[in-house]
Amino acid sequence: MRRFAILGNRAMSQGKLPLNDMAGGAGRMDVLVRALMAGLLTSHGIRHDTEIILHLMGGPGPSRRIKFVGSLLKGVHAEERAVAGQIAKVIKEPTPARGHWTERSSGIFDSGGDIHHTLSEWEDVNVVCLDANAPRLWMSEEELPIDGNPHSMFEGEHGNFTISGMDIGFVLSDDKPLSDELSDNLLARSLGSEWLQGHMAIAVCHFLLDQGMPLNLGQS
């Protein structure tokens, strides 16, 4: 399973989402929407072996998490406003208790809590904090495989499928950096020396995983 935890430091967690002002009034919700789309959508479908958790930390009220499970999603289209509309439906509802997931629609789950709750749920997952100043995510001196051998994959359709391979999670933020407390306690890896936008970083992660590049996950 591929998992992505995306932190929205100013993203609104409750109320009526201003779809015409996602970059301003919604607290850079546009960044989260683009990251969500890059994580879940392919050219002609949805990645069934991927989960995305958006962390809405900008209030009003307590922090909130929205989880999108690719294997269960229905009715999500490759258009930013439509995806934002799915988020808007969720944040109209009262925030559930921390650690308790409520299914709002097919494949979309809602919970209170923050990144620490997510990391505790990912206890058995290889977790990587993306940081341009850290060692590379892929192993040095490795060449791109001629034939892809994905690190994770799925077989079957909704309600009758299996997911196999590596269980890996990535933590990345919006336009604000991760806190020192968080980054210091996670395995940090880079995708190169340039700081990429979140949706671009997610696309690179998927590419490396799709091709089966050997990953540098040892403690440094």
Protein backbone atom coordinates (compact mmCIF):
# COMPACT_ATOMS: atom_id res chain seq x y z
CA MET A 1 0.00 0.00 0.00
CA ARG A 2 1.17 3.53 -0.80
CA ARG A 3 0.16 6.15 1.72
CA PHE A 4 0.59 9.91 1.66
CA ALA A 5 0.00 12.22 4.64
CA ILE A 6 -0.38 15.81 3.47
CA LEU A 7 -0.32 18.62 6.02
CA GLY A 8 -2.47 21.66 5.40
CA ASN A 9 -1.22 24.07 8.05
CA ARG A 10 -3.84 26.73 7.23
CA ALA A 11 -6.46 24.58 5.49
CA MET A 12 -9.91 25.13 6.96
CA SER A 13 -11.29 22.18 8.87
CA GLN A 14 -14.90 23.22 9.42
CA GLY A 15 -17.55 25.28 7.68
CA LYS A 16 -18.43 26.31 4.13
CA LEU A 17 -15.46 25.89 1.79
CA PRO A 18 -15.04 28.94 -0.51
CA LEU A 19 -14.61 27.12 -3.82
CA ASN A 20 -13.78 30.38 -5.61
CA ASP A 21 -10.99 31.25 -3.16
CA MET A 22 -9.23 28.00 -2.27
CA ALA A 23 -5.80 29.63 -2.29
CA GLY A 24 -6.82 32.39 0.10
CA GLY A 25 -9.97 32.03 2.15
CA ALA A 26 -9.71 28.23 2.31
CA GLY A 27 -6.10 28.33 3.58
CA ARG A 28 -4.22 26.98 0.52
CA MET A 29 -6.69 24.16 0.04
CA ASP A 30 -5.68 24.33 -3.63
CA VAL A 31 -2.29 22.83 -2.70
CA LEU A 32 -3.97 19.88 -0.97
CA VAL A 33 -6.38 19.30 -3.85
CA ARG A 34 -3.55 19.13 -6.39
CA ALA A 35 -1.62 16.76 -4.13
CA LEU A 36 -4.68 14.57 -3.67
CA MET A 37 -5.24 14.34 -7.41
CA ALA A 38 -1.58 13.52 -8.09
CA GLY A 39 -1.69 10.80 -5.45
CA LEU A 40 -4.88 9.06 -6.51
CA LEU A 41 -5.52 9.67 -10.19
CA THR A 42 -3.90 8.21 -13.27
CA SER A 43 -4.68 9.30 -16.82
CA HIS A 44 -7.70 7.01 -17.03
CA GLY A 45 -8.44 5.81 -13.53
CA ILE A 46 -7.70 5.63 -9.81
CA ARG A 47 -4.74 4.03 -8.05
CA HIS A 48 -6.36 1.28 -6.00
CA ASP A 49 -3.15 0.66 -4.01
CA THR A 50 -3.01 4.23 -2.63
CA GLU A 51 -4.46 6.11 0.34
CA ILE A 52 -4.25 9.86 0.93
CA ILE A 53 -4.86 11.56 4.28
CA LEU A 54 -5.37 15.32 4.19
CA HIS A 55 -4.64 17.02 7.51
CA LEU A 56 -6.76 20.17 7.84
CA MET A 57 -5.13 22.24 10.57
CA GLY A 58 -6.38 25.78 9.99
CA GLY A 59 -9.60 25.70 12.00
CA PRO A 60 -12.09 26.81 12.99
CA GLY A 61 -12.21 24.20 15.68
CA PRO A 62 -9.99 21.14 16.10
CA SER A 63 -7.74 19.66 13.44
CA ARG A 64 -9.39 17.23 11.08
CA ARG A 65 -8.27 14.39 8.82
CA ILE A 66 -9.92 13.27 5.59
CA LYS A 67 -8.82 9.91 4.18
CA PHE A 68 -9.31 8.96 0.54
CA VAL A 69 -8.98 5.20 -0.08
CA GLY A 70 -8.35 4.53 -3.75
CA SER A 71 -9.64 0.96 -3.67
CA LEU A 72 -13.06 2.14 -2.46
CA LEU A 73 -13.48 5.52 -4.15
CA LYS A 74 -16.36 6.18 -6.50
CA GLY A 75 -17.49 9.35 -8.23
CA VAL A 76 -14.18 11.26 -8.03
CA HIS A 77 -13.29 13.03 -11.26
CA ALA A 78 -10.05 14.60 -12.49
CA GLU A 79 -11.14 18.21 -12.03
CA GLU A 80 -9.94 20.38 -9.15
CA ARG A 81 -13.26 22.02 -8.37
CA ALA A 82 -15.07 18.68 -8.31
CA VAL A 83 -12.46 17.21 -5.94
CA ALA A 84 -12.70 20.31 -3.74
CA GLY A 85 -16.45 19.79 -3.70
CA GLN A 86 -15.94 16.37 -2.12
CA ILE A 87 -13.87 18.00 0.64
CA ALA A 88 -16.50 20.73 1.04
CA LYS A 89 -19.18 18.11 1.75
CA VAL A 90 -17.06 16.60 4.52
CA ILE A 91 -16.14 19.77 6.38
CA LYS A 92 -19.79 20.81 6.60
CA GLU A 93 -20.21 17.92 9.03
CA PRO A 94 -19.19 17.94 12.72
CA THR A 95 -15.63 16.71 13.23
CA PRO A 96 -15.60 13.12 14.55
CA ALA A 97 -13.64 12.12 17.65
CA ARG A 98 -9.89 11.81 17.25
CA GLY A 99 -8.93 8.36 16.04
CA HIS A 100 -12.47 7.43 14.99
CA TRP A 101 -13.04 7.16 11.23
CA THR A 102 -16.51 7.93 9.85
CA GLU A 103 -17.27 7.04 6.22
CA ARG A 104 -18.83 10.07 4.54
CA SER A 105 -19.14 8.53 1.07
CA SER A 106 -17.61 5.62 -0.87
CA GLY A 107 -13.91 5.63 -0.03
CA ILE A 108 -13.91 8.97 1.82
CA PHE A 109 -13.45 8.83 5.60
CA ASP A 110 -13.45 11.61 8.20
CA SER A 111 -11.72 11.79 11.59
CA GLY A 112 -10.43 14.20 14.16
CA GLY A 113 -6.77 14.20 15.04
CA ASP A 114 -3.46 15.27 13.58
CA ILE A 115 -0.31 13.83 12.02
CA HIS A 116 0.65 12.14 15.29
CA HIS A 117 -2.57 10.11 15.19
CA THR A 118 -1.84 9.18 11.58
CA LEU A 119 1.70 8.06 12.39
CA SER A 120 0.42 5.92 15.26
CA GLU A 121 -1.97 4.24 12.79
CA TRP A 122 0.99 3.69 10.44
CA GLU A 123 2.96 1.86 13.12
CA ASP A 124 4.02 -0.98 10.80
CA VAL A 125 4.58 1.20 7.71
CA ASN A 126 7.92 2.37 6.28
CA VAL A 127 7.45 6.13 6.77
CA VAL A 128 9.49 8.69 4.84
CA CYS A 129 9.57 12.45 5.44
CA LEU A 130 10.31 14.21 2.14
CA ASP A 131 13.11 16.76 2.59
CA ALA A 132 15.24 18.19 -0.22
CA ASN A 133 18.23 18.45 2.15
CA ALA A 134 18.20 14.75 3.06
CA PRO A 135 19.83 11.76 1.32
CA ARG A 136 18.17 10.61 -1.90
CA LEU A 137 15.16 8.30 -1.69
CA TRP A 138 16.55 5.95 -4.31
CA MET A 139 19.76 3.98 -3.90
CA SER A 140 22.88 5.60 -5.33
CA GLU A 141 24.40 4.27 -8.56
CA GLU A 142 21.23 2.35 -9.42
CA GLU A 143 19.98 2.55 -13.01
CA LEU A 144 16.36 2.95 -14.03
CA PRO A 145 14.98 -0.54 -14.76
CA ILE A 146 14.21 -1.34 -18.39
CA ASP A 147 11.05 -3.18 -17.34
CA GLY A 148 9.01 -1.82 -14.44
CA ASN A 149 8.48 -4.05 -11.39
CA PRO A 150 6.15 -2.07 -9.10
CA HIS A 151 6.80 -2.08 -5.35
CA SER A 152 3.03 -2.40 -4.81
CA MET A 153 0.18 -3.47 -7.02
CA PHE A 154 -3.44 -4.57 -6.98
CA GLU A 155 -5.49 -7.28 -8.64
CA GLY A 156 -9.24 -7.32 -9.11
CA GLU A 157 -11.97 -4.71 -8.92
CA HIS A 158 -13.91 -2.85 -6.23
CA GLY A 159 -15.01 -5.20 -3.49
CA ASN A 160 -13.02 -8.13 -4.87
CA PHE A 161 -9.33 -7.32 -5.09
CA THR A 162 -6.04 -7.75 -3.28
CA ILE A 163 -3.16 -5.32 -2.73
CA SER A 164 0.34 -6.70 -2.37
CA GLY A 165 3.90 -5.44 -2.06
CA MET A 166 5.61 -2.76 0.03
CA ASP A 167 3.68 -0.80 2.66
CA ILE A 168 5.19 2.68 2.51
CA GLY A 169 4.03 6.10 3.68
CA PHE A 170 5.21 9.59 2.80
CA VAL A 171 4.76 12.75 4.87
CA LEU A 172 4.81 16.13 3.15
CA SER A 173 3.54 19.60 3.88
CA ASP A 174 1.88 22.45 2.00
CA ASP A 175 3.83 25.67 1.41
CA LYS A 176 5.01 25.66 5.04
CA PRO A 177 7.87 23.39 6.18
CA LEU A 178 7.40 20.48 8.53
CA SER A 179 8.07 21.19 12.18
CA ASP A 180 11.51 20.28 13.53
CA GLU A 181 9.86 17.97 16.05
CA LEU A 182 8.24 15.98 13.27
CA SER A 183 11.09 15.92 10.74
CA ASP A 184 13.68 15.03 13.41
CA ASN A 185 11.79 11.88 14.33
CA LEU A 186 11.14 10.54 10.84
CA LEU A 187 13.36 9.03 8.18
CA ALA A 188 14.15 11.98 5.88
CA ARG A 189 14.74 11.42 2.18
CA SER A 190 14.88 13.74 -0.82
CA LEU A 191 13.76 13.57 -4.43
CA GLY A 192 16.64 15.78 -5.49
CA SER A 193 18.20 19.04 -4.38
CA GLU A 194 15.28 21.22 -5.52
CA TRP A 195 12.19 21.71 -3.35
CA LEU A 196 9.37 20.40 -5.53
CA GLN A 197 5.74 21.35 -5.20
CA GLY A 198 3.79 18.71 -3.31
CA HIS A 199 1.86 17.27 -6.25
CA MET A 200 5.07 17.00 -8.27
CA ALA A 201 6.84 15.23 -5.40
CA ILE A 202 3.99 12.72 -5.14
CA ALA A 203 4.18 12.03 -8.87
CA VAL A 204 7.92 11.32 -8.58
CA CYS A 205 7.31 8.95 -5.66
CA HIS A 206 4.75 7.04 -7.71
CA PHE A 207 7.18 6.87 -10.65
CA LEU A 208 9.94 5.39 -8.50
CA LEU A 209 7.53 2.89 -6.95
CA ASP A 210 5.98 2.00 -10.31
CA GLN A 211 9.38 1.26 -11.81
CA GLY A 212 10.59 -0.69 -8.79
CA MET A 213 13.65 1.45 -8.13
CA PRO A 214 15.66 0.18 -5.13
CA LEU A 215 14.85 2.56 -2.25
CA ASN A 216 17.23 3.97 0.33
CA LEU A 217 15.23 3.23 3.49
CA GLY A 218 18.06 2.32 5.86
CA GLN A 219 18.73 4.59 8.83
CA SER A 220 21.52 7.05 8.00
